[in-house]
PDB file of N, CA and C in Angstrom:
ATOM      1  N   MET A   1       0.835  -1.173   0.000  1.00  0.00           N
ATOM      2  CA  MET A   1       0.000   0.000   0.000  1.00  0.00           C
ATOM      3  C   MET A   1       0.888   1.248   0.000  1.00  0.00           C
ATOM      4  N   LYS A   2       0.500   2.201  -0.819  1.00  0.00           N
ATOM      5  CA  LYS A   2       1.271   3.439  -0.911  1.00  0.00           C
ATOM      6  C   LYS A   2       1.020   4.335   0.290  1.00  0.00           C
ATOM      7  N   ARG A   3       2.002   5.198   0.543  1.00  0.00           N
ATOM      8  CA  ARG A   3       1.813   6.212   1.568  1.00  0.00           C
ATOM      9  C   ARG A   3       0.747   7.182   1.103  1.00  0.00           C
ATOM     10  N   PHE A   4       0.132   7.837   2.048  1.00  0.00           N
ATOM     11  CA  PHE A   4      -0.926   8.801   1.739  1.00  0.00           C
ATOM     12  C   PHE A   4      -0.402   9.914   0.835  1.00  0.00           C
ATOM     13  N   GLN A   5       0.812  10.377   1.110  1.00  0.00           N
ATOM     14  CA  GLN A   5       1.365  11.501   0.359  1.00  0.00           C
ATOM     15  C   GLN A   5       1.632  11.143  -1.113  1.00  0.00           C
ATOM     16  N   GLU A   6       1.750   9.870  -1.435  1.00  0.00           N
ATOM     17  CA  GLU A   6       2.062   9.444  -2.799  1.00  0.00           C
ATOM     18  C   GLU A   6       0.820   9.088  -3.606  1.00  0.00           C
ATOM     19  N   CYS A   7      -0.352   9.219  -3.027  1.00  0.00           N
ATOM     20  CA  CYS A   7      -1.591   8.809  -3.681  1.00  0.00           C
ATOM     21  C   CYS A   7      -2.131   9.903  -4.595  1.00  0.00           C
ATOM     22  N   SER A   8      -2.994   9.469  -5.524  1.00  0.00           N
ATOM     23  CA  SER A   8      -3.678  10.424  -6.392  1.00  0.00           C
ATOM     24  C   SER A   8      -4.810  11.082  -5.612  1.00  0.00           C
ATOM     25  N   PHE A   9      -5.448  12.047  -6.237  1.00  0.00           N
ATOM     26  CA  PHE A   9      -6.517  12.793  -5.575  1.00  0.00           C
ATOM     27  C   PHE A   9      -7.657  11.873  -5.150  1.00  0.00           C
ATOM     28  N   LEU A  10      -8.073  10.966  -6.006  1.00  0.00           N
ATOM     29  CA  LEU A  10      -9.178  10.073  -5.678  1.00  0.00           C
ATOM     30  C   LEU A  10      -8.828   9.101  -4.554  1.00  0.00           C
ATOM     31  N   GLU A  11      -7.601   8.616  -4.550  1.00  0.00           N
ATOM     32  CA  GLU A  11      -7.175   7.728  -3.457  1.00  0.00           C
ATOM     33  C   GLU A  11      -7.149   8.478  -2.131  1.00  0.00           C
ATOM     34  N   LYS A  12      -6.664   9.722  -2.144  1.00  0.00           N
ATOM     35  CA  LYS A  12      -6.653  10.526  -0.926  1.00  0.00           C
ATOM     36  C   LYS A  12      -8.076  10.778  -0.436  1.00  0.00           C
ATOM     37  N   LEU A  13      -8.964  11.083  -1.364  1.00  0.00           N
ATOM     38  CA  LEU A  13     -10.359  11.318  -1.006  1.00  0.00           C
ATOM     39  C   LEU A  13     -10.970  10.074  -0.366  1.00  0.00           C
ATOM     40  N   TRP A  14     -10.658   8.895  -0.903  1.00  0.00           N
ATOM     41  CA  TRP A  14     -11.167   7.644  -0.354  1.00  0.00           C
ATOM     42  C   TRP A  14     -10.605   7.384   1.048  1.00  0.00           C
ATOM     43  N   ARG A  15      -9.350   7.704   1.259  1.00  0.00           N
ATOM     44  CA  ARG A  15      -8.747   7.487   2.580  1.00  0.00           C
ATOM     45  C   ARG A  15      -9.230   8.488   3.613  1.00  0.00           C
ATOM     46  N   TYR A  16      -9.649   9.672   3.165  1.00  0.00           N
ATOM     47  CA  TYR A  16     -10.179  10.674   4.101  1.00  0.00           C
ATOM     48  C   TYR A  16     -11.472  10.199   4.761  1.00  0.00           C
ATOM     49  N   ARG A  17     -12.095   9.146   4.248  1.00  0.00           N
ATOM     50  CA  ARG A  17     -13.330   8.639   4.841  1.00  0.00           C
ATOM     51  C   ARG A  17     -13.126   8.205   6.291  1.00  0.00           C
ATOM     52  N   TRP A  18     -11.896   7.852   6.654  1.00  0.00           N
ATOM     53  CA  TRP A  18     -11.615   7.430   8.020  1.00  0.00           C
ATOM     54  C   TRP A  18     -11.866   8.556   9.009  1.00  0.00           C
ATOM     55  N   TYR A  19     -11.693   9.800   8.573  1.00  0.00           N
ATOM     56  CA  TYR A  19     -11.916  10.931   9.468  1.00  0.00           C
ATOM     57  C   TYR A  19     -13.376  11.026   9.932  1.00  0.00           C
ATOM     58  N   LEU A  20     -14.298  10.451   9.184  1.00  0.00           N
ATOM     59  CA  LEU A  20     -15.709  10.510   9.556  1.00  0.00           C
ATOM     60  C   LEU A  20     -15.994   9.757  10.855  1.00  0.00           C
ATOM     61  N   SER A  21     -15.153   8.798  11.190  1.00  0.00           N
ATOM     62  CA  SER A  21     -15.398   7.998  12.393  1.00  0.00           C
ATOM     63  C   SER A  21     -14.882   8.668  13.673  1.00  0.00           C
ATOM     64  N   ILE A  22     -14.063   9.691  13.560  1.00  0.00           N
ATOM     65  CA  ILE A  22     -13.465  10.307  14.749  1.00  0.00           C
ATOM     66  C   ILE A  22     -14.508  10.871  15.716  1.00  0.00           C
ATOM     67  N   PRO A  23     -15.498  11.649  15.274  1.00  0.00           N
ATOM     68  CA  PRO A  23     -16.468  12.172  16.252  1.00  0.00           C
ATOM     69  C   PRO A  23     -17.245  11.078  16.980  1.00  0.00           C
ATOM     70  N   PHE A  24     -17.555   9.987  16.279  1.00  0.00           N
ATOM     71  CA  PHE A  24     -18.295   8.895  16.912  1.00  0.00           C
ATOM     72  C   PHE A  24     -17.429   8.152  17.927  1.00  0.00           C
ATOM     73  N   LEU A  25     -16.171   7.897  17.566  1.00  0.00           N
ATOM     74  CA  LEU A  25     -15.258   7.262  18.512  1.00  0.00           C
ATOM     75  C   LEU A  25     -15.010   8.157  19.723  1.00  0.00           C
ATOM     76  N   TYR A  26     -14.884   9.447  19.471  1.00  0.00           N
ATOM     77  CA  TYR A  26     -14.671  10.394  20.557  1.00  0.00           C
ATOM     78  C   TYR A  26     -15.851  10.371  21.530  1.00  0.00           C
ATOM     79  N   ALA A  27     -17.057  10.441  20.999  1.00  0.00           N
ATOM     80  CA  ALA A  27     -18.246  10.427  21.855  1.00  0.00           C
ATOM     81  C   ALA A  27     -18.348   9.116  22.627  1.00  0.00           C
ATOM     82  N   PHE A  28     -18.023   8.005  21.981  1.00  0.00           N
ATOM     83  CA  PHE A  28     -18.087   6.705  22.641  1.00  0.00           C
ATOM     84  C   PHE A  28     -17.122   6.650  23.819  1.00  0.00           C
ATOM     85  N   HIS A  29     -15.866   7.054  23.592  1.00  0.00           N
ATOM     86  CA  HIS A  29     -14.869   6.987  24.656  1.00  0.00           C
ATOM     87  C   HIS A  29     -15.038   8.108  25.693  1.00  0.00           C
ATOM     88  N   GLN A  30     -15.620   9.195  25.312  1.00  0.00           N
ATOM     89  CA  GLN A  30     -15.814  10.302  26.237  1.00  0.00           C
ATOM     90  C   GLN A  30     -16.971  10.028  27.211  1.00  0.00           C
ATOM     91  N   PHE A  31     -18.047   9.407  26.719  1.00  0.00           N
ATOM     92  CA  PHE A  31     -19.257   9.291  27.526  1.00  0.00           C
ATOM     93  C   PHE A  31     -19.616   7.872  27.963  1.00  0.00           C
ATOM     94  N   PHE A  32     -19.229   6.849  27.199  1.00  0.00           N
ATOM     95  CA  PHE A  32     -19.680   5.494  27.508  1.00  0.00           C
ATOM     96  C   PHE A  32     -18.582   4.585  28.056  1.00  0.00           C
ATOM     97  N   LYS A  33     -17.494   4.480  27.343  1.00  0.00           N
ATOM     98  CA  LYS A  33     -16.406   3.593  27.778  1.00  0.00           C
ATOM     99  C   LYS A  33     -15.099   4.377  27.720  1.00  0.00           C
ATOM    100  N   PRO A  34     -14.611   4.832  28.872  1.00  0.00           N
ATOM    101  CA  PRO A  34     -13.404   5.664  28.862  1.00  0.00           C
ATOM    102  C   PRO A  34     -12.172   4.895  28.377  1.00  0.00           C
ATOM    103  N   LEU A  35     -11.294   5.611  27.731  1.00  0.00           N
ATOM    104  CA  LEU A  35     -10.033   5.047  27.264  1.00  0.00           C
ATOM    105  C   LEU A  35      -9.051   5.069  28.433  1.00  0.00           C
ATOM    106  N   LYS A  36      -8.620   3.896  28.865  1.00  0.00           N
ATOM    107  CA  LYS A  36      -7.739   3.781  30.027  1.00  0.00           C
ATOM    108  C   LYS A  36      -6.327   3.427  29.580  1.00  0.00           C
ATOM    109  N   VAL A  37      -5.351   4.094  30.166  1.00  0.00           N
ATOM    110  CA  VAL A  37      -3.948   3.795  29.929  1.00  0.00           C
ATOM    111  C   VAL A  37      -3.369   3.273  31.234  1.00  0.00           C
ATOM    112  N   TYR A  38      -2.980   2.003  31.221  1.00  0.00           N
ATOM    113  CA  TYR A  38      -2.497   1.368  32.446  1.00  0.00           C
ATOM    114  C   TYR A  38      -1.015   1.635  32.654  1.00  0.00           C
ATOM    115  N   GLU A  39      -0.631   1.720  33.910  1.00  0.00           N
ATOM    116  CA  GLU A  39       0.762   1.930  34.289  1.00  0.00           C
ATOM    117  C   GLU A  39       1.410   0.559  34.486  1.00  0.00           C
ATOM    118  N   ASP A  40       2.492   0.291  33.783  1.00  0.00           N
ATOM    119  CA  ASP A  40       3.202  -0.979  33.891  1.00  0.00           C
ATOM    120  C   ASP A  40       4.486  -0.796  34.682  1.00  0.00           C
ATOM    121  N   GLN A  41       4.956  -1.890  35.282  1.00  0.00           N
ATOM    122  CA  GLN A  41       6.213  -1.863  36.022  1.00  0.00           C
ATOM    123  C   GLN A  41       7.089  -3.022  35.561  1.00  0.00           C
ATOM    124  N   PHE A  42       8.405  -2.820  35.650  1.00  0.00           N
ATOM    125  CA  PHE A  42       9.355  -3.886  35.361  1.00  0.00           C
ATOM    126  C   PHE A  42       9.664  -4.637  36.651  1.00  0.00           C
ATOM    127  N   VAL A  43       9.460  -5.956  36.634  1.00  0.00           N
ATOM    128  CA  VAL A  43       9.787  -6.805  37.772  1.00  0.00           C
ATOM    129  C   VAL A  43      10.546  -8.014  37.230  1.00  0.00           C
ATOM    130  N   ASP A  44      11.829  -8.133  37.604  1.00  0.00           N
ATOM    131  CA  ASP A  44      12.675  -9.238  37.143  1.00  0.00           C
ATOM    132  C   ASP A  44      12.676  -9.349  35.615  1.00  0.00           C
ATOM    133  N   ASP A  45      12.915  -8.234  34.945  1.00  0.00           N
ATOM    134  CA  ASP A  45      12.980  -8.161  33.483  1.00  0.00           C
ATOM    135  C   ASP A  45      11.681  -8.572  32.802  1.00  0.00           C
ATOM    136  N   LYS A  46      10.577  -8.485  33.496  1.00  0.00           N
ATOM    137  CA  LYS A  46       9.267  -8.752  32.917  1.00  0.00           C
ATOM    138  C   LYS A  46       8.375  -7.545  33.162  1.00  0.00           C
ATOM    139  N   ILE A  47       7.474  -7.312  32.243  1.00  0.00           N
ATOM    140  CA  ILE A  47       6.539  -6.210  32.389  1.00  0.00           C
ATOM    141  C   ILE A  47       5.301  -6.729  33.092  1.00  0.00           C
ATOM    142  N   VAL A  48       4.950  -6.082  34.199  1.00  0.00           N
ATOM    143  CA  VAL A  48       3.791  -6.477  34.993  1.00  0.00           C
ATOM    144  C   VAL A  48       2.797  -5.319  34.991  1.00  0.00           C
ATOM    145  N   ARG A  49       1.558  -5.613  34.633  1.00  0.00           N
ATOM    146  CA  ARG A  49       0.522  -4.585  34.629  1.00  0.00           C
ATOM    147  C   ARG A  49       0.041  -4.344  36.050  1.00  0.00           C
ATOM    148  N   THR A  50      -0.099  -3.078  36.388  1.00  0.00           N
ATOM    149  CA  THR A  50      -0.635  -2.709  37.694  1.00  0.00           C
ATOM    150  C   THR A  50      -2.098  -2.304  37.536  1.00  0.00           C
ATOM    151  N   ASN A  51      -2.761  -2.091  38.621  1.00  0.00           N
ATOM    152  CA  ASN A  51      -4.153  -1.650  38.567  1.00  0.00           C
ATOM    153  C   ASN A  51      -4.278  -0.133  38.476  1.00  0.00           C
ATOM    154  N   ASN A  52      -3.148   0.559  38.453  1.00  0.00           N
ATOM    155  CA  ASN A  52      -3.166   2.017  38.334  1.00  0.00           C
ATOM    156  C   ASN A  52      -3.345   2.389  36.866  1.00  0.00           C
ATOM    157  N   TYR A  53      -4.292   3.265  36.605  1.00  0.00           N
ATOM    158  CA  TYR A  53      -4.510   3.709  35.228  1.00  0.00           C
ATOM    159  C   TYR A  53      -4.932   5.167  35.215  1.00  0.00           C
ATOM    160  N   GLU A  54      -4.799   5.747  34.035  1.00  0.00           N
ATOM    161  CA  GLU A  54      -5.219   7.120  33.821  1.00  0.00           C
ATOM    162  C   GLU A  54      -6.267   7.120  32.724  1.00  0.00           C
ATOM    163  N   VAL A  55      -7.325   7.863  32.899  1.00  0.00           N
ATOM    164  CA  VAL A  55      -8.385   7.959  31.907  1.00  0.00           C
ATOM    165  C   VAL A  55      -8.070   9.126  30.976  1.00  0.00           C
ATOM    166  N   ILE A  56      -8.071   8.852  29.685  1.00  0.00           N
ATOM    167  CA  ILE A  56      -7.772   9.879  28.681  1.00  0.00           C
ATOM    168  C   ILE A  56      -9.094  10.487  28.214  1.00  0.00           C
ATOM    169  N   LYS A  57      -9.213  11.801  28.332  1.00  0.00           N
ATOM    170  CA  LYS A  57     -10.423  12.500  27.904  1.00  0.00           C
ATOM    171  C   LYS A  57     -10.055  13.843  27.293  1.00  0.00           C
ATOM    172  N   GLY A  58     -11.031  14.473  26.673  1.00  0.00           N
ATOM    173  CA  GLY A  58     -10.876  15.821  26.150  1.00  0.00           C
ATOM    174  C   GLY A  58      -9.976  15.900  24.934  1.00  0.00           C
ATOM    175  N   ASP A  59      -9.138  16.933  24.907  1.00  0.00           N
ATOM    176  CA  ASP A  59      -8.263  17.182  23.768  1.00  0.00           C
ATOM    177  C   ASP A  59      -7.274  16.048  23.537  1.00  0.00           C
ATOM    178  N   GLU A  60      -6.781  15.459  24.612  1.00  0.00           N
ATOM    179  CA  GLU A  60      -5.817  14.361  24.472  1.00  0.00           C
ATOM    180  C   GLU A  60      -6.449  13.172  23.765  1.00  0.00           C
ATOM    181  N   LEU A  61      -7.693  12.868  24.103  1.00  0.00           N
ATOM    182  CA  LEU A  61      -8.403  11.767  23.450  1.00  0.00           C
ATOM    183  C   LEU A  61      -8.567  12.046  21.971  1.00  0.00           C
ATOM    184  N   TRP A  62      -8.932  13.258  21.620  1.00  0.00           N
ATOM    185  CA  TRP A  62      -9.113  13.632  20.210  1.00  0.00           C
ATOM    186  C   TRP A  62      -7.803  13.455  19.436  1.00  0.00           C
ATOM    187  N   LYS A  63      -6.696  13.906  20.016  1.00  0.00           N
ATOM    188  CA  LYS A  63      -5.398  13.803  19.347  1.00  0.00           C
ATOM    189  C   LYS A  63      -4.977  12.349  19.157  1.00  0.00           C
ATOM    190  N   ILE A  64      -5.247  11.512  20.144  1.00  0.00           N
ATOM    191  CA  ILE A  64      -4.914  10.088  20.015  1.00  0.00           C
ATOM    192  C   ILE A  64      -5.735   9.452  18.906  1.00  0.00           C
ATOM    193  N   LEU A  65      -7.021   9.775  18.846  1.00  0.00           N
ATOM    194  CA  LEU A  65      -7.882   9.206  17.806  1.00  0.00           C
ATOM    195  C   LEU A  65      -7.452   9.658  16.415  1.00  0.00           C
ATOM    196  N   VAL A  66      -7.052  10.909  16.265  1.00  0.00           N
ATOM    197  CA  VAL A  66      -6.560  11.391  14.972  1.00  0.00           C
ATOM    198  C   VAL A  66      -5.301  10.624  14.578  1.00  0.00           C
ATOM    199  N   GLY A  67      -4.415  10.383  15.524  1.00  0.00           N
ATOM    200  CA  GLY A  67      -3.202   9.622  15.234  1.00  0.00           C
ATOM    201  C   GLY A  67      -3.497   8.191  14.823  1.00  0.00           C
ATOM    202  N   VAL A  68      -4.467   7.562  15.473  1.00  0.00           N
ATOM    203  CA  VAL A  68      -4.846   6.191  15.108  1.00  0.00           C
ATOM    204  C   VAL A  68      -5.423   6.161  13.701  1.00  0.00           C
ATOM    205  N   ILE A  69      -6.274   7.120  13.388  1.00  0.00           N
ATOM    206  CA  ILE A  69      -6.894   7.172  12.063  1.00  0.00           C
ATOM    207  C   ILE A  69      -5.851   7.448  10.991  1.00  0.00           C
ATOM    208  N   GLN A  70      -4.906   8.337  11.254  1.00  0.00           N
ATOM    209  CA  GLN A  70      -3.858   8.603  10.271  1.00  0.00           C
ATOM    210  C   GLN A  70      -2.990   7.377  10.058  1.00  0.00           C
ATOM    211  N   GLY A  71      -2.841   6.544  11.066  1.00  0.00           N
ATOM    212  CA  GLY A  71      -2.134   5.277  10.886  1.00  0.00           C
ATOM    213  C   GLY A  71      -2.878   4.353   9.945  1.00  0.00           C
ATOM    214  N   LYS A  72      -4.203   4.309  10.072  1.00  0.00           N
ATOM    215  CA  LYS A  72      -5.010   3.489   9.169  1.00  0.00           C
ATOM    216  C   LYS A  72      -4.961   4.017   7.748  1.00  0.00           C
ATOM    217  N   MET A  73      -4.781   5.333   7.604  1.00  0.00           N
ATOM    218  CA  MET A  73      -4.694   5.944   6.280  1.00  0.00           C
ATOM    219  C   MET A  73      -3.309   5.741   5.660  1.00  0.00           C
ATOM    220  N   ASN A  74      -2.380   5.191   6.432  1.00  0.00           N
ATOM    221  CA  ASN A  74      -0.988   5.017   6.009  1.00  0.00           C
ATOM    222  C   ASN A  74      -0.337   6.377   5.765  1.00  0.00           C
ATOM    223  N   TRP A  75      -0.628   7.321   6.632  1.00  0.00           N
ATOM    224  CA  TRP A  75      -0.134   8.688   6.541  1.00  0.00           C
ATOM    225  C   TRP A  75       1.032   8.819   7.511  1.00  0.00           C
ATOM    226  N   TYR A  76       2.216   8.820   6.985  1.00  0.00           N
ATOM    227  CA  TYR A  76       3.400   8.966   7.821  1.00  0.00           C
ATOM    228  C   TYR A  76       4.476   9.692   7.021  1.00  0.00           C
ATOM    229  N   TYR A  77       5.468  10.182   7.726  1.00  0.00           N
ATOM    230  CA  TYR A  77       6.582  10.889   7.112  1.00  0.00           C
ATOM    231  C   TYR A  77       7.860  10.089   7.321  1.00  0.00           C
ATOM    232  N   THR A  78       8.735  10.149   6.339  1.00  0.00           N
ATOM    233  CA  THR A  78      10.037   9.505   6.492  1.00  0.00           C
ATOM    234  C   THR A  78      10.940  10.409   7.319  1.00  0.00           C
ATOM    235  N   SER A  79      12.040   9.852   7.822  1.00  0.00           N
ATOM    236  CA  SER A  79      12.939  10.665   8.645  1.00  0.00           C
ATOM    237  C   SER A  79      13.559  11.797   7.825  1.00  0.00           C
ATOM    238  N   GLU A  80      13.800  11.562   6.543  1.00  0.00           N
ATOM    239  CA  GLU A  80      14.343  12.635   5.698  1.00  0.00           C
ATOM    240  C   GLU A  80      13.364  13.800   5.591  1.00  0.00           C
ATOM    241  N   GLU A  81      12.065  13.492   5.441  1.00  0.00           N
ATOM    242  CA  GLU A  81      11.065  14.548   5.350  1.00  0.00           C
ATOM    243  C   GLU A  81      10.951  15.308   6.661  1.00  0.00           C
ATOM    244  N   VAL A  82      11.066  14.624   7.758  1.00  0.00           N
ATOM    245  CA  VAL A  82      10.986  15.279   9.067  1.00  0.00           C
ATOM    246  C   VAL A  82      12.151  16.232   9.248  1.00  0.00           C
ATOM    247  N   PHE A  83      13.353  15.798   8.883  1.00  0.00           N
ATOM    248  CA  PHE A  83      14.516  16.665   9.050  1.00  0.00           C
ATOM    249  C   PHE A  83      14.505  17.841   8.091  1.00  0.00           C
ATOM    250  N   LYS A  84      13.851  17.709   6.929  1.00  0.00           N
ATOM    251  CA  LYS A  84      13.724  18.821   5.993  1.00  0.00           C
ATOM    252  C   LYS A  84      12.702  19.838   6.489  1.00  0.00           C
ATOM    253  N   GLY A  85      11.786  19.414   7.344  1.00  0.00           N
ATOM    254  CA  GLY A  85      10.790  20.319   7.885  1.00  0.00           C
ATOM    255  C   GLY A  85       9.434  20.175   7.259  1.00  0.00           C
ATOM    256  N   TYR A  86       9.137  19.059   6.632  1.00  0.00           N
ATOM    257  CA  TYR A  86       7.815  18.872   6.018  1.00  0.00           C
ATOM    258  C   TYR A  86       6.838  18.363   7.004  1.00  0.00           C
TER     259      TYR A  86
END
């Protein structure tokens, strides 16, 4: 699959459909089932999940959802593009 930046106009338009799901996912996680981020600890070189968690809401939740959707769109930058400032 091509990167988003290398696609034609119609392919980009088709991939933009993923953005339509963001408000619904946001409302679901904001009001019905909160997005929880658990705190893990290292014990004897193993990762152990603790019962401590933080609930992500508001602007942070929106930004995470946009990042997840852009991943599904295959929208990413190469390290060369990042260093050039794109």
